[in-house]
Amino acid sequence: MRKPLPYHVIDEIFARFQAAEPTPEGELEHVNAYTLVVAVALSAQATDAGVNKATRALFAKVTTPQQMLDLGEDGLIEHIKTIGLYRNKAKNVLKMSRILVDEYGGEVPCSRAALESLPGVGRKTANVVLNMWWKHPAQAVDTHIFRVGNRTGIAPGKDVVAVERAIEDNVPAPYQLHAHHWMILHGRYVCVARKPKCPACLIRDLCPFEEKTE
C-alpha cells in the first residue's frame, strides 16, 4: 500500500483544488435534510444523475417522512422504478420514514450513530448528510474517493473506513469540510478508473502514480 504523501504536498494539492473550485457541492438534488437522506439512500449502486431524474417529481410533492408514508410503497416505486434495486430501496425508505415519525418527531437526527440506525442508511450515507446538511467535516468515502486516496497517496487505506480515517488524519483542517467533495469530483471526472485524464490533472506533478497517461 502506498505511503501517505508528505504534509506540504497534501496541503498544496488541496490548495489547488480550492483555487479551482472554492465551494464544491454534492450533485444530489434535495430540498431539506429528509430529502437528502432519501436521495443518498437511493444513490447506492446508481448514478447521481439517475437519482436526480427520478426524484425531481417525487420531491416536488414529498418533503417529509409523513408525506412519504402517505404516498405509500406503490406510489414511491412509481417514482423510483428507473433506479437499481428500487423495490428494496422503497421498502427501506418507508421503514426509515416510519422510524423518523415515531421516534424522532419527523425530524432527521444529526448524529452518525442515530443516522446509521435507520434502514438503508450506512456510514457513507450518514457522513454525506452530516457534511452536506450540517456542515460537519465528515468524509463520505465512495469508490471514487477510495481510488483517488490510494492512487495519489492523499489517503491510502485498505478499506473505506481506513481511507476515511486517513483523510481525517492527513488533510489539513482548513480543507476538511470540502475534502471529500474535491476528491469525489476529481475521481469522477479526472482521476477515472480505467484511463485517468492525467494531462488535464491539476495535481499531475504532485501525484506519485506511476502509470500516468499522456
N, C-alpha and C. Protein backbone atom coordinates (compact mmCIF):
# COMPACT_ATOMS: atom_id res chain seq x y z
N MET A 1 0.85 -1.19 0.00
CA MET A 1 0.00 0.00 0.00
C MET A 1 0.88 1.25 0.00
N ARG A 2 0.49 2.23 -0.78
CA ARG A 2 1.27 3.45 -0.89
C ARG A 2 1.34 4.20 0.44
N LYS A 3 2.48 4.83 0.70
CA LYS A 3 2.60 5.66 1.91
C LYS A 3 1.89 6.99 1.71
N PRO A 4 1.38 7.59 2.78
CA PRO A 4 0.75 8.91 2.64
C PRO A 4 1.77 9.94 2.15
N LEU A 5 1.31 10.86 1.34
CA LEU A 5 2.16 11.95 0.89
C LEU A 5 2.58 12.82 2.07
N PRO A 6 3.71 13.52 1.94
CA PRO A 6 4.11 14.46 3.00
C PRO A 6 3.08 15.57 3.18
N TYR A 7 3.06 16.12 4.37
CA TYR A 7 2.09 17.16 4.71
C TYR A 7 2.08 18.31 3.70
N HIS A 8 3.26 18.82 3.35
CA HIS A 8 3.30 20.00 2.48
C HIS A 8 2.76 19.70 1.09
N VAL A 9 2.89 18.45 0.64
CA VAL A 9 2.36 18.07 -0.67
C VAL A 9 0.83 18.00 -0.62
N ILE A 10 0.29 17.39 0.42
CA ILE A 10 -1.17 17.32 0.57
C ILE A 10 -1.75 18.73 0.70
N ASP A 11 -1.08 19.58 1.45
CA ASP A 11 -1.53 20.96 1.60
C ASP A 11 -1.59 21.66 0.24
N GLU A 12 -0.59 21.46 -0.60
CA GLU A 12 -0.56 22.07 -1.92
C GLU A 12 -1.65 21.50 -2.82
N ILE A 13 -1.88 20.19 -2.73
CA ILE A 13 -2.94 19.57 -3.53
C ILE A 13 -4.29 20.21 -3.23
N PHE A 14 -4.61 20.34 -1.95
CA PHE A 14 -5.93 20.88 -1.61
C PHE A 14 -6.00 22.39 -1.83
N ALA A 15 -4.87 23.08 -1.77
CA ALA A 15 -4.87 24.50 -2.14
C ALA A 15 -5.23 24.65 -3.61
N ARG A 16 -4.75 23.74 -4.44
CA ARG A 16 -5.09 23.79 -5.87
C ARG A 16 -6.56 23.43 -6.11
N PHE A 17 -7.03 22.39 -5.41
CA PHE A 17 -8.45 22.04 -5.53
C PHE A 17 -9.33 23.23 -5.14
N GLN A 18 -8.97 23.88 -4.04
CA GLN A 18 -9.77 25.01 -3.56
C GLN A 18 -9.73 26.18 -4.54
N ALA A 19 -8.57 26.45 -5.12
CA ALA A 19 -8.46 27.54 -6.08
C ALA A 19 -9.32 27.28 -7.31
N ALA A 20 -9.40 26.02 -7.72
CA ALA A 20 -10.16 25.66 -8.90
C ALA A 20 -11.67 25.63 -8.63
N GLU A 21 -12.05 25.22 -7.42
CA GLU A 21 -13.47 25.09 -7.06
C GLU A 21 -13.60 25.43 -5.58
N PRO A 22 -13.77 26.73 -5.25
CA PRO A 22 -13.75 27.15 -3.83
C PRO A 22 -14.82 26.49 -2.96
N THR A 23 -16.00 26.30 -3.50
CA THR A 23 -17.09 25.73 -2.69
C THR A 23 -17.76 24.58 -3.44
N PRO A 24 -17.10 23.43 -3.51
CA PRO A 24 -17.69 22.29 -4.21
C PRO A 24 -18.94 21.79 -3.50
N GLU A 25 -19.88 21.29 -4.26
CA GLU A 25 -21.13 20.80 -3.69
C GLU A 25 -21.44 19.41 -4.21
N GLY A 26 -22.16 18.66 -3.40
CA GLY A 26 -22.64 17.36 -3.85
C GLY A 26 -23.64 17.54 -4.98
N GLU A 27 -23.76 16.53 -5.83
CA GLU A 27 -24.58 16.65 -7.02
C GLU A 27 -26.00 16.09 -6.85
N LEU A 28 -26.30 15.51 -5.68
CA LEU A 28 -27.66 15.00 -5.45
C LEU A 28 -28.60 16.16 -5.11
N GLU A 29 -29.70 16.24 -5.81
CA GLU A 29 -30.68 17.31 -5.57
C GLU A 29 -31.54 16.98 -4.35
N HIS A 30 -31.82 18.00 -3.54
CA HIS A 30 -32.62 17.82 -2.33
C HIS A 30 -33.14 19.17 -1.89
N VAL A 31 -34.15 19.16 -1.02
CA VAL A 31 -34.72 20.42 -0.54
C VAL A 31 -34.59 20.58 0.97
N ASN A 32 -34.32 19.51 1.67
CA ASN A 32 -34.12 19.57 3.13
C ASN A 32 -33.36 18.33 3.57
N ALA A 33 -33.14 18.21 4.88
CA ALA A 33 -32.35 17.08 5.38
C ALA A 33 -33.00 15.74 5.06
N TYR A 34 -34.32 15.68 5.14
CA TYR A 34 -35.01 14.42 4.88
C TYR A 34 -34.84 13.98 3.42
N THR A 35 -35.08 14.90 2.49
CA THR A 35 -34.94 14.51 1.08
C THR A 35 -33.48 14.19 0.74
N LEU A 36 -32.54 14.79 1.45
CA LEU A 36 -31.13 14.44 1.24
C LEU A 36 -30.86 13.01 1.68
N VAL A 37 -31.37 12.63 2.85
CA VAL A 37 -31.21 11.25 3.32
C VAL A 37 -31.80 10.27 2.31
N VAL A 38 -32.99 10.58 1.84
CA VAL A 38 -33.65 9.70 0.86
C VAL A 38 -32.82 9.61 -0.42
N ALA A 39 -32.37 10.75 -0.92
CA ALA A 39 -31.60 10.75 -2.17
C ALA A 39 -30.32 9.96 -2.04
N VAL A 40 -29.62 10.12 -0.93
CA VAL A 40 -28.37 9.39 -0.75
C VAL A 40 -28.63 7.89 -0.61
N ALA A 41 -29.69 7.53 0.10
CA ALA A 41 -30.04 6.12 0.24
C ALA A 41 -30.38 5.50 -1.12
N LEU A 42 -31.03 6.28 -1.97
CA LEU A 42 -31.40 5.78 -3.30
C LEU A 42 -30.20 5.69 -4.23
N SER A 43 -29.13 6.42 -3.91
CA SER A 43 -27.99 6.51 -4.83
C SER A 43 -27.05 5.31 -4.78
N ALA A 44 -27.26 4.41 -3.82
CA ALA A 44 -26.41 3.21 -3.75
C ALA A 44 -26.53 2.42 -5.05
N GLN A 45 -25.40 2.12 -5.67
CA GLN A 45 -25.35 1.39 -6.94
C GLN A 45 -26.18 2.06 -8.03
N ALA A 46 -26.20 3.39 -7.99
CA ALA A 46 -26.88 4.18 -9.02
C ALA A 46 -26.12 5.48 -9.19
N THR A 47 -26.33 6.15 -10.30
CA THR A 47 -25.65 7.43 -10.53
C THR A 47 -26.45 8.57 -9.93
N ASP A 48 -25.75 9.65 -9.55
CA ASP A 48 -26.45 10.82 -9.04
C ASP A 48 -27.42 11.37 -10.08
N ALA A 49 -27.01 11.37 -11.34
CA ALA A 49 -27.88 11.89 -12.40
C ALA A 49 -29.16 11.07 -12.50
N GLY A 50 -29.03 9.76 -12.39
CA GLY A 50 -30.21 8.90 -12.45
C GLY A 50 -31.14 9.10 -11.27
N VAL A 51 -30.56 9.29 -10.08
CA VAL A 51 -31.38 9.55 -8.90
C VAL A 51 -32.08 10.89 -9.02
N ASN A 52 -31.36 11.92 -9.47
CA ASN A 52 -31.96 13.24 -9.62
C ASN A 52 -33.13 13.21 -10.59
N LYS A 53 -32.97 12.49 -11.68
CA LYS A 53 -34.05 12.39 -12.67
C LYS A 53 -35.30 11.76 -12.07
N ALA A 54 -35.08 10.76 -11.21
CA ALA A 54 -36.20 10.05 -10.61
C ALA A 54 -36.86 10.82 -9.47
N THR A 55 -36.08 11.63 -8.75
CA THR A 55 -36.61 12.26 -7.54
C THR A 55 -37.16 13.67 -7.74
N ARG A 56 -36.93 14.28 -8.90
CA ARG A 56 -37.41 15.66 -9.09
C ARG A 56 -38.92 15.75 -8.89
N ALA A 57 -39.65 14.87 -9.52
CA ALA A 57 -41.11 14.89 -9.37
C ALA A 57 -41.51 14.43 -7.97
N LEU A 58 -40.77 13.46 -7.42
CA LEU A 58 -41.07 12.96 -6.07
C LEU A 58 -40.93 14.07 -5.04
N PHE A 59 -39.80 14.78 -5.06
CA PHE A 59 -39.55 15.81 -4.06
C PHE A 59 -40.37 17.07 -4.29
N ALA A 60 -41.02 17.16 -5.43
CA ALA A 60 -41.92 18.29 -5.66
C ALA A 60 -43.17 18.16 -4.80
N LYS A 61 -43.49 16.92 -4.36
CA LYS A 61 -44.69 16.74 -3.55
C LYS A 61 -44.44 16.01 -2.23
N VAL A 62 -43.26 15.42 -2.06
CA VAL A 62 -42.94 14.71 -0.83
C VAL A 62 -41.66 15.28 -0.24
N THR A 63 -41.79 15.95 0.90
CA THR A 63 -40.61 16.54 1.55
C THR A 63 -40.50 16.19 3.03
N THR A 64 -41.41 15.37 3.54
CA THR A 64 -41.39 14.97 4.95
C THR A 64 -41.61 13.46 5.07
N PRO A 65 -41.18 12.87 6.17
CA PRO A 65 -41.43 11.44 6.36
C PRO A 65 -42.91 11.08 6.33
N GLN A 66 -43.76 11.92 6.91
CA GLN A 66 -45.19 11.61 6.91
C GLN A 66 -45.77 11.64 5.51
N GLN A 67 -45.34 12.59 4.71
CA GLN A 67 -45.81 12.63 3.32
C GLN A 67 -45.37 11.39 2.55
N MET A 68 -44.18 10.87 2.88
CA MET A 68 -43.72 9.65 2.23
C MET A 68 -44.58 8.46 2.65
N LEU A 69 -44.92 8.40 3.94
CA LEU A 69 -45.80 7.33 4.40
C LEU A 69 -47.16 7.42 3.75
N ASP A 70 -47.64 8.64 3.58
CA ASP A 70 -48.94 8.83 2.92
C ASP A 70 -48.89 8.41 1.45
N LEU A 71 -47.75 8.64 0.82
CA LEU A 71 -47.59 8.23 -0.59
C LEU A 71 -47.64 6.72 -0.71
N GLY A 72 -46.99 6.02 0.22
CA GLY A 72 -47.02 4.56 0.22
C GLY A 72 -45.98 3.93 -0.69
N GLU A 73 -45.81 2.64 -0.51
CA GLU A 73 -44.77 1.93 -1.24
C GLU A 73 -45.01 1.93 -2.74
N ASP A 74 -46.24 1.66 -3.16
CA ASP A 74 -46.53 1.61 -4.60
C ASP A 74 -46.32 2.98 -5.24
N GLY A 75 -46.74 4.03 -4.53
CA GLY A 75 -46.55 5.38 -5.06
C GLY A 75 -45.09 5.74 -5.18
N LEU A 76 -44.29 5.33 -4.18
CA LEU A 76 -42.86 5.61 -4.23
C LEU A 76 -42.20 4.83 -5.36
N ILE A 77 -42.55 3.57 -5.50
CA ILE A 77 -41.99 2.74 -6.57
C ILE A 77 -42.26 3.36 -7.94
N GLU A 78 -43.42 3.91 -8.11
CA GLU A 78 -43.76 4.53 -9.40
C GLU A 78 -42.77 5.64 -9.76
N HIS A 79 -42.27 6.35 -8.74
CA HIS A 79 -41.32 7.43 -8.97
C HIS A 79 -39.89 6.93 -9.19
N ILE A 80 -39.52 5.85 -8.50
CA ILE A 80 -38.10 5.46 -8.48
C ILE A 80 -37.81 4.16 -9.23
N LYS A 81 -38.74 3.68 -10.03
CA LYS A 81 -38.56 2.38 -10.68
C LYS A 81 -37.45 2.37 -11.73
N THR A 82 -36.93 3.53 -12.09
CA THR A 82 -35.79 3.57 -13.02
C THR A 82 -34.46 3.40 -12.30
N ILE A 83 -34.49 3.37 -10.96
CA ILE A 83 -33.26 3.24 -10.16
C ILE A 83 -33.04 1.78 -9.81
N GLY A 84 -31.81 1.34 -9.84
CA GLY A 84 -31.49 -0.04 -9.49
C GLY A 84 -31.91 -0.38 -8.07
N LEU A 85 -32.35 -1.64 -7.89
CA LEU A 85 -32.78 -2.16 -6.58
C LEU A 85 -33.93 -1.35 -5.99
N TYR A 86 -34.80 -0.83 -6.86
CA TYR A 86 -35.82 0.11 -6.41
C TYR A 86 -36.81 -0.49 -5.42
N ARG A 87 -37.12 -1.76 -5.53
CA ARG A 87 -38.11 -2.34 -4.61
C ARG A 87 -37.56 -2.39 -3.18
N ASN A 88 -36.34 -2.86 -3.04
CA ASN A 88 -35.74 -2.92 -1.71
C ASN A 88 -35.52 -1.51 -1.15
N LYS A 89 -35.10 -0.60 -2.01
CA LYS A 89 -34.89 0.78 -1.57
C LYS A 89 -36.20 1.42 -1.13
N ALA A 90 -37.28 1.14 -1.83
CA ALA A 90 -38.58 1.68 -1.45
C ALA A 90 -38.99 1.18 -0.07
N LYS A 91 -38.77 -0.11 0.19
CA LYS A 91 -39.12 -0.65 1.50
C LYS A 91 -38.31 0.04 2.60
N ASN A 92 -37.01 0.24 2.35
CA ASN A 92 -36.16 0.88 3.35
C ASN A 92 -36.57 2.34 3.59
N VAL A 93 -36.89 3.05 2.52
CA VAL A 93 -37.31 4.45 2.68
C VAL A 93 -38.58 4.55 3.51
N LEU A 94 -39.51 3.62 3.29
CA LEU A 94 -40.75 3.63 4.09
C LEU A 94 -40.48 3.26 5.54
N LYS A 95 -39.62 2.26 5.76
CA LYS A 95 -39.27 1.89 7.14
C LYS A 95 -38.57 3.05 7.84
N MET A 96 -37.65 3.68 7.14
CA MET A 96 -36.93 4.82 7.69
C MET A 96 -37.89 5.95 8.03
N SER A 97 -38.83 6.21 7.15
CA SER A 97 -39.79 7.29 7.37
C SER A 97 -40.66 7.01 8.59
N ARG A 98 -41.05 5.76 8.76
CA ARG A 98 -41.86 5.39 9.93
C ARG A 98 -41.07 5.62 11.22
N ILE A 99 -39.80 5.24 11.25
CA ILE A 99 -38.98 5.45 12.43
C ILE A 99 -38.80 6.94 12.71
N LEU A 100 -38.57 7.72 11.66
CA LEU A 100 -38.41 9.17 11.85
C LEU A 100 -39.66 9.80 12.45
N VAL A 101 -40.82 9.36 11.99
CA VAL A 101 -42.08 9.88 12.53
C VAL A 101 -42.30 9.43 13.97
N ASP A 102 -42.09 8.14 14.21
CA ASP A 102 -42.42 7.57 15.53
C ASP A 102 -41.38 7.91 16.61
N GLU A 103 -40.10 7.98 16.23
CA GLU A 103 -39.05 8.12 17.24
C GLU A 103 -38.35 9.47 17.24
N TYR A 104 -38.46 10.22 16.14
CA TYR A 104 -37.73 11.48 16.05
C TYR A 104 -38.61 12.68 15.72
N GLY A 105 -39.91 12.51 15.90
CA GLY A 105 -40.81 13.63 15.68
C GLY A 105 -40.81 14.14 14.25
N GLY A 106 -40.47 13.26 13.30
CA GLY A 106 -40.45 13.65 11.90
C GLY A 106 -39.20 14.39 11.47
N GLU A 107 -38.23 14.54 12.38
CA GLU A 107 -37.00 15.25 12.07
C GLU A 107 -35.85 14.26 11.85
N VAL A 108 -34.92 14.64 11.01
CA VAL A 108 -33.75 13.79 10.78
C VAL A 108 -32.72 14.05 11.88
N PRO A 109 -32.28 13.00 12.58
CA PRO A 109 -31.29 13.20 13.65
C PRO A 109 -29.94 13.61 13.08
N CYS A 110 -29.13 14.27 13.91
CA CYS A 110 -27.86 14.78 13.40
C CYS A 110 -26.65 14.18 14.11
N SER A 111 -26.73 12.91 14.45
CA SER A 111 -25.53 12.18 14.92
C SER A 111 -25.33 11.00 13.99
N ARG A 112 -24.08 10.60 13.82
CA ARG A 112 -23.78 9.49 12.92
C ARG A 112 -24.44 8.21 13.40
N ALA A 113 -24.40 7.95 14.70
CA ALA A 113 -24.98 6.72 15.24
C ALA A 113 -26.48 6.65 14.99
N ALA A 114 -27.17 7.77 15.22
CA ALA A 114 -28.62 7.79 15.01
C ALA A 114 -28.96 7.61 13.54
N LEU A 115 -28.20 8.27 12.68
CA LEU A 115 -28.44 8.13 11.24
C LEU A 115 -28.19 6.70 10.78
N GLU A 116 -27.12 6.10 11.26
CA GLU A 116 -26.79 4.73 10.85
C GLU A 116 -27.79 3.71 11.36
N SER A 117 -28.56 4.05 12.36
CA SER A 117 -29.57 3.13 12.87
C SER A 117 -30.79 3.06 11.96
N LEU A 118 -30.90 3.97 11.01
CA LEU A 118 -32.06 4.00 10.11
C LEU A 118 -31.89 2.98 8.98
N PRO A 119 -32.98 2.31 8.58
CA PRO A 119 -32.90 1.34 7.48
C PRO A 119 -32.39 1.99 6.20
N GLY A 120 -31.45 1.33 5.53
CA GLY A 120 -30.92 1.84 4.27
C GLY A 120 -29.88 2.92 4.40
N VAL A 121 -29.51 3.26 5.64
CA VAL A 121 -28.51 4.30 5.87
C VAL A 121 -27.26 3.67 6.46
N GLY A 122 -26.18 3.70 5.71
CA GLY A 122 -24.90 3.21 6.19
C GLY A 122 -24.00 4.37 6.58
N ARG A 123 -22.76 4.06 6.84
CA ARG A 123 -21.80 5.08 7.29
C ARG A 123 -21.60 6.17 6.23
N LYS A 124 -21.49 5.76 4.96
CA LYS A 124 -21.27 6.73 3.90
C LYS A 124 -22.46 7.69 3.80
N THR A 125 -23.66 7.14 3.82
CA THR A 125 -24.86 7.98 3.75
C THR A 125 -24.91 8.95 4.93
N ALA A 126 -24.63 8.43 6.12
CA ALA A 126 -24.65 9.29 7.30
C ALA A 126 -23.63 10.42 7.17
N ASN A 127 -22.44 10.10 6.66
CA ASN A 127 -21.42 11.13 6.52
C ASN A 127 -21.79 12.17 5.47
N VAL A 128 -22.42 11.74 4.39
CA VAL A 128 -22.87 12.70 3.37
C VAL A 128 -23.86 13.69 3.98
N VAL A 129 -24.81 13.18 4.74
CA VAL A 129 -25.84 14.04 5.34
C VAL A 129 -25.21 14.98 6.38
N LEU A 130 -24.35 14.44 7.22
CA LEU A 130 -23.68 15.28 8.22
C LEU A 130 -22.89 16.40 7.55
N ASN A 131 -22.22 16.07 6.46
CA ASN A 131 -21.38 17.05 5.78
C ASN A 131 -22.20 18.06 4.99
N MET A 132 -23.12 17.58 4.17
CA MET A 132 -23.83 18.48 3.26
C MET A 132 -24.89 19.31 3.97
N TRP A 133 -25.54 18.74 4.98
CA TRP A 133 -26.62 19.48 5.61
C TRP A 133 -26.17 20.24 6.86
N TRP A 134 -25.38 19.56 7.69
CA TRP A 134 -24.97 20.19 8.95
C TRP A 134 -23.54 20.75 8.91
N LYS A 135 -22.91 20.67 7.74
CA LYS A 135 -21.56 21.25 7.56
C LYS A 135 -20.56 20.69 8.57
N HIS A 136 -20.72 19.41 8.88
CA HIS A 136 -19.76 18.72 9.73
C HIS A 136 -18.68 18.13 8.84
N PRO A 137 -17.40 18.21 9.21
CA PRO A 137 -16.33 17.71 8.34
C PRO A 137 -16.24 16.19 8.30
N ALA A 138 -17.34 15.56 7.95
CA ALA A 138 -17.37 14.11 7.82
C ALA A 138 -16.94 13.72 6.40
N GLN A 139 -16.26 12.61 6.28
CA GLN A 139 -15.71 12.19 4.99
C GLN A 139 -16.45 10.95 4.48
N ALA A 140 -17.24 11.14 3.46
CA ALA A 140 -18.03 10.05 2.89
C ALA A 140 -17.24 9.39 1.77
N VAL A 141 -16.68 8.24 2.04
CA VAL A 141 -15.78 7.58 1.09
C VAL A 141 -16.57 6.64 0.18
N ASP A 142 -16.51 6.93 -1.12
CA ASP A 142 -17.10 6.04 -2.11
C ASP A 142 -15.98 5.45 -2.97
N THR A 143 -16.32 4.80 -4.07
CA THR A 143 -15.30 4.16 -4.89
C THR A 143 -14.34 5.18 -5.51
N HIS A 144 -14.86 6.36 -5.86
CA HIS A 144 -14.01 7.39 -6.45
C HIS A 144 -12.97 7.88 -5.43
N ILE A 145 -13.41 8.16 -4.23
CA ILE A 145 -12.51 8.66 -3.19
C ILE A 145 -11.52 7.57 -2.78
N PHE A 146 -11.99 6.34 -2.70
CA PHE A 146 -11.10 5.23 -2.36
C PHE A 146 -9.98 5.13 -3.39
N ARG A 147 -10.34 5.25 -4.67
CA ARG A 147 -9.34 5.18 -5.74
C ARG A 147 -8.37 6.36 -5.67
N VAL A 148 -8.89 7.57 -5.56
CA VAL A 148 -8.04 8.76 -5.52
C VAL A 148 -7.14 8.75 -4.30
N GLY A 149 -7.70 8.37 -3.15
CA GLY A 149 -6.92 8.34 -1.92
C GLY A 149 -5.73 7.41 -2.01
N ASN A 150 -5.95 6.24 -2.63
CA ASN A 150 -4.88 5.26 -2.74
C ASN A 150 -3.94 5.53 -3.91
N ARG A 151 -4.50 5.96 -5.02
CA ARG A 151 -3.67 6.19 -6.21
C ARG A 151 -2.71 7.36 -6.00
N THR A 152 -3.17 8.42 -5.36
CA THR A 152 -2.37 9.63 -5.19
C THR A 152 -1.52 9.63 -3.93
N GLY A 153 -1.93 8.82 -2.94
CA GLY A 153 -1.25 8.86 -1.65
C GLY A 153 -1.79 9.91 -0.72
N ILE A 154 -2.89 10.58 -1.10
CA ILE A 154 -3.51 11.56 -0.21
C ILE A 154 -4.02 10.85 1.05
N ALA A 155 -4.68 9.71 0.83
CA ALA A 155 -5.28 8.99 1.96
C ALA A 155 -5.33 7.51 1.65
N PRO A 156 -4.20 6.83 1.69
CA PRO A 156 -4.19 5.39 1.41
C PRO A 156 -4.85 4.59 2.53
N GLY A 157 -5.50 3.51 2.15
CA GLY A 157 -6.14 2.65 3.14
C GLY A 157 -6.66 1.40 2.47
N LYS A 158 -6.73 0.31 3.24
CA LYS A 158 -7.14 -0.98 2.67
C LYS A 158 -8.64 -1.12 2.53
N ASP A 159 -9.41 -0.26 3.22
CA ASP A 159 -10.86 -0.28 3.09
C ASP A 159 -11.38 1.15 3.26
N VAL A 160 -12.69 1.32 3.08
CA VAL A 160 -13.24 2.68 3.08
C VAL A 160 -13.10 3.37 4.43
N VAL A 161 -13.20 2.62 5.51
CA VAL A 161 -13.06 3.23 6.83
C VAL A 161 -11.62 3.70 7.04
N ALA A 162 -10.66 2.91 6.57
CA ALA A 162 -9.25 3.31 6.69
C ALA A 162 -8.97 4.56 5.87
N VAL A 163 -9.56 4.66 4.68
CA VAL A 163 -9.39 5.86 3.85
C VAL A 163 -10.05 7.05 4.51
N GLU A 164 -11.23 6.84 5.08
CA GLU A 164 -11.91 7.92 5.81
C GLU A 164 -11.02 8.45 6.93
N ARG A 165 -10.45 7.55 7.71
CA ARG A 165 -9.57 7.95 8.81
C ARG A 165 -8.32 8.66 8.27
N ALA A 166 -7.80 8.17 7.15
CA ALA A 166 -6.60 8.79 6.58
C ALA A 166 -6.87 10.21 6.10
N ILE A 167 -8.05 10.46 5.54
CA ILE A 167 -8.41 11.83 5.15
C ILE A 167 -8.45 12.72 6.39
N GLU A 168 -9.11 12.22 7.43
CA GLU A 168 -9.21 12.99 8.67
C GLU A 168 -7.83 13.26 9.28
N ASP A 169 -6.93 12.29 9.15
CA ASP A 169 -5.61 12.42 9.75
C ASP A 169 -4.65 13.26 8.91
N ASN A 170 -4.74 13.16 7.58
CA ASN A 170 -3.72 13.73 6.71
C ASN A 170 -4.07 15.09 6.10
N VAL A 171 -5.34 15.34 5.87
CA VAL A 171 -5.73 16.58 5.19
C VAL A 171 -5.76 17.73 6.20
N PRO A 172 -5.09 18.84 5.89
CA PRO A 172 -5.08 19.98 6.82
C PRO A 172 -6.50 20.46 7.15
N ALA A 173 -6.68 20.89 8.37
CA ALA A 173 -8.00 21.25 8.90
C ALA A 173 -8.79 22.23 8.03
N PRO A 174 -8.17 23.27 7.45
CA PRO A 174 -8.96 24.21 6.66
C PRO A 174 -9.66 23.59 5.45
N TYR A 175 -9.19 22.41 5.03
CA TYR A 175 -9.77 21.76 3.85
C TYR A 175 -10.70 20.60 4.20
N GLN A 176 -10.87 20.30 5.47
CA GLN A 176 -11.63 19.12 5.87
C GLN A 176 -13.10 19.16 5.43
N LEU A 177 -13.73 20.33 5.51
CA LEU A 177 -15.16 20.41 5.21
C LEU A 177 -15.46 19.97 3.79
N HIS A 178 -14.63 20.38 2.85
CA HIS A 178 -14.89 20.08 1.44
C HIS A 178 -14.01 18.96 0.89
N ALA A 179 -13.19 18.34 1.72
CA ALA A 179 -12.21 17.37 1.22
C ALA A 179 -12.85 16.26 0.39
N HIS A 180 -13.92 15.66 0.90
CA HIS A 180 -14.47 14.52 0.17
C HIS A 180 -15.14 14.96 -1.12
N HIS A 181 -15.67 16.20 -1.16
CA HIS A 181 -16.25 16.69 -2.42
C HIS A 181 -15.18 16.91 -3.47
N TRP A 182 -14.06 17.53 -3.08
CA TRP A 182 -12.98 17.72 -4.05
C TRP A 182 -12.47 16.37 -4.56
N MET A 183 -12.34 15.41 -3.66
CA MET A 183 -11.80 14.11 -4.07
C MET A 183 -12.78 13.34 -4.94
N ILE A 184 -14.07 13.41 -4.64
CA ILE A 184 -15.03 12.67 -5.46
C ILE A 184 -15.14 13.28 -6.84
N LEU A 185 -15.12 14.60 -6.93
CA LEU A 185 -15.19 15.25 -8.24
C LEU A 185 -13.94 14.95 -9.05
N HIS A 186 -12.80 14.93 -8.39
CA HIS A 186 -11.54 14.60 -9.08
C HIS A 186 -11.59 13.17 -9.59
N GLY A 187 -12.10 12.26 -8.77
CA GLY A 187 -12.19 10.87 -9.18
C GLY A 187 -13.25 10.61 -10.23
N ARG A 188 -14.30 11.38 -10.20
CA ARG A 188 -15.41 11.19 -11.14
C ARG A 188 -15.08 11.72 -12.54
N TYR A 189 -14.34 12.82 -12.59
CA TYR A 189 -14.15 13.49 -13.87
C TYR A 189 -12.70 13.51 -14.39
N VAL A 190 -11.72 13.31 -13.53
CA VAL A 190 -10.32 13.38 -13.97
C VAL A 190 -9.58 12.08 -13.67
N CYS A 191 -9.50 11.72 -12.40
CA CYS A 191 -8.75 10.52 -11.99
C CYS A 191 -9.66 9.29 -12.08
N VAL A 192 -10.14 9.04 -13.30
CA VAL A 192 -11.12 7.97 -13.52
C VAL A 192 -10.43 6.61 -13.45
N ALA A 193 -11.22 5.56 -13.36
CA ALA A 193 -10.67 4.24 -13.05
C ALA A 193 -9.79 3.67 -14.16
N ARG A 194 -10.29 3.57 -15.36
CA ARG A 194 -9.59 2.81 -16.38
C ARG A 194 -8.49 3.61 -17.07
N LYS A 195 -8.76 4.84 -17.41
CA LYS A 195 -7.76 5.66 -18.10
C LYS A 195 -7.81 7.07 -17.53
N PRO A 196 -7.09 7.31 -16.44
CA PRO A 196 -7.13 8.64 -15.83
C PRO A 196 -6.68 9.72 -16.80
N LYS A 197 -7.29 10.89 -16.67
CA LYS A 197 -7.02 12.00 -17.59
C LYS A 197 -5.86 12.85 -17.05
N CYS A 198 -4.70 12.22 -16.98
CA CYS A 198 -3.53 12.85 -16.37
C CYS A 198 -3.12 14.17 -17.03
N PRO A 199 -3.21 14.31 -18.37
CA PRO A 199 -2.82 15.58 -18.97
C PRO A 199 -3.67 16.76 -18.47
N ALA A 200 -4.90 16.49 -18.04
CA ALA A 200 -5.78 17.56 -17.57
C ALA A 200 -5.78 17.69 -16.05
N CYS A 201 -4.90 16.97 -15.38
CA CYS A 201 -4.93 16.90 -13.92
C CYS A 201 -4.21 18.07 -13.26
N LEU A 202 -4.88 18.69 -12.30
CA LEU A 202 -4.32 19.83 -11.57
C LEU A 202 -3.11 19.44 -10.72
N ILE A 203 -3.05 18.19 -10.34
CA ILE A 203 -2.00 17.77 -9.39
C ILE A 203 -1.06 16.74 -10.01
N ARG A 204 -0.98 16.71 -11.31
CA ARG A 204 -0.15 15.73 -12.01
C ARG A 204 1.29 15.72 -11.48
N ASP A 205 1.86 16.90 -11.27
CA ASP A 205 3.26 16.98 -10.85
C ASP A 205 3.47 16.57 -9.40
N LEU A 206 2.38 16.47 -8.64
CA LEU A 206 2.47 16.10 -7.23
C LEU A 206 2.09 14.64 -6.98
N CYS A 207 1.53 14.01 -7.99
CA CYS A 207 0.98 12.65 -7.85
C CYS A 207 2.04 11.60 -8.16
N PRO A 208 2.22 10.61 -7.27
CA PRO A 208 3.25 9.58 -7.47
C PRO A 208 2.78 8.39 -8.33
N PHE A 209 1.55 8.44 -8.86
CA PHE A 209 1.03 7.34 -9.66
C PHE A 209 1.97 7.08 -10.84
N GLU A 210 2.45 5.85 -10.96
CA GLU A 210 3.47 5.53 -11.95
C GLU A 210 2.93 5.43 -13.37
N GLU A 211 1.66 5.03 -13.52
CA GLU A 211 1.12 4.74 -14.84
C GLU A 211 0.32 5.93 -15.38
N LYS A 212 0.90 7.09 -15.34
CA LYS A 212 0.22 8.29 -15.84
C LYS A 212 -0.02 8.17 -17.35
N THR A 213 -1.14 8.69 -17.78
CA THR A 213 -1.45 8.69 -19.22
C THR A 213 -0.90 9.98 -19.85
N GLU A 214 -0.66 9.89 -21.15
CA GLU A 214 -0.12 11.05 -21.88
C GLU A 214 -1.23 11.79 -22.63
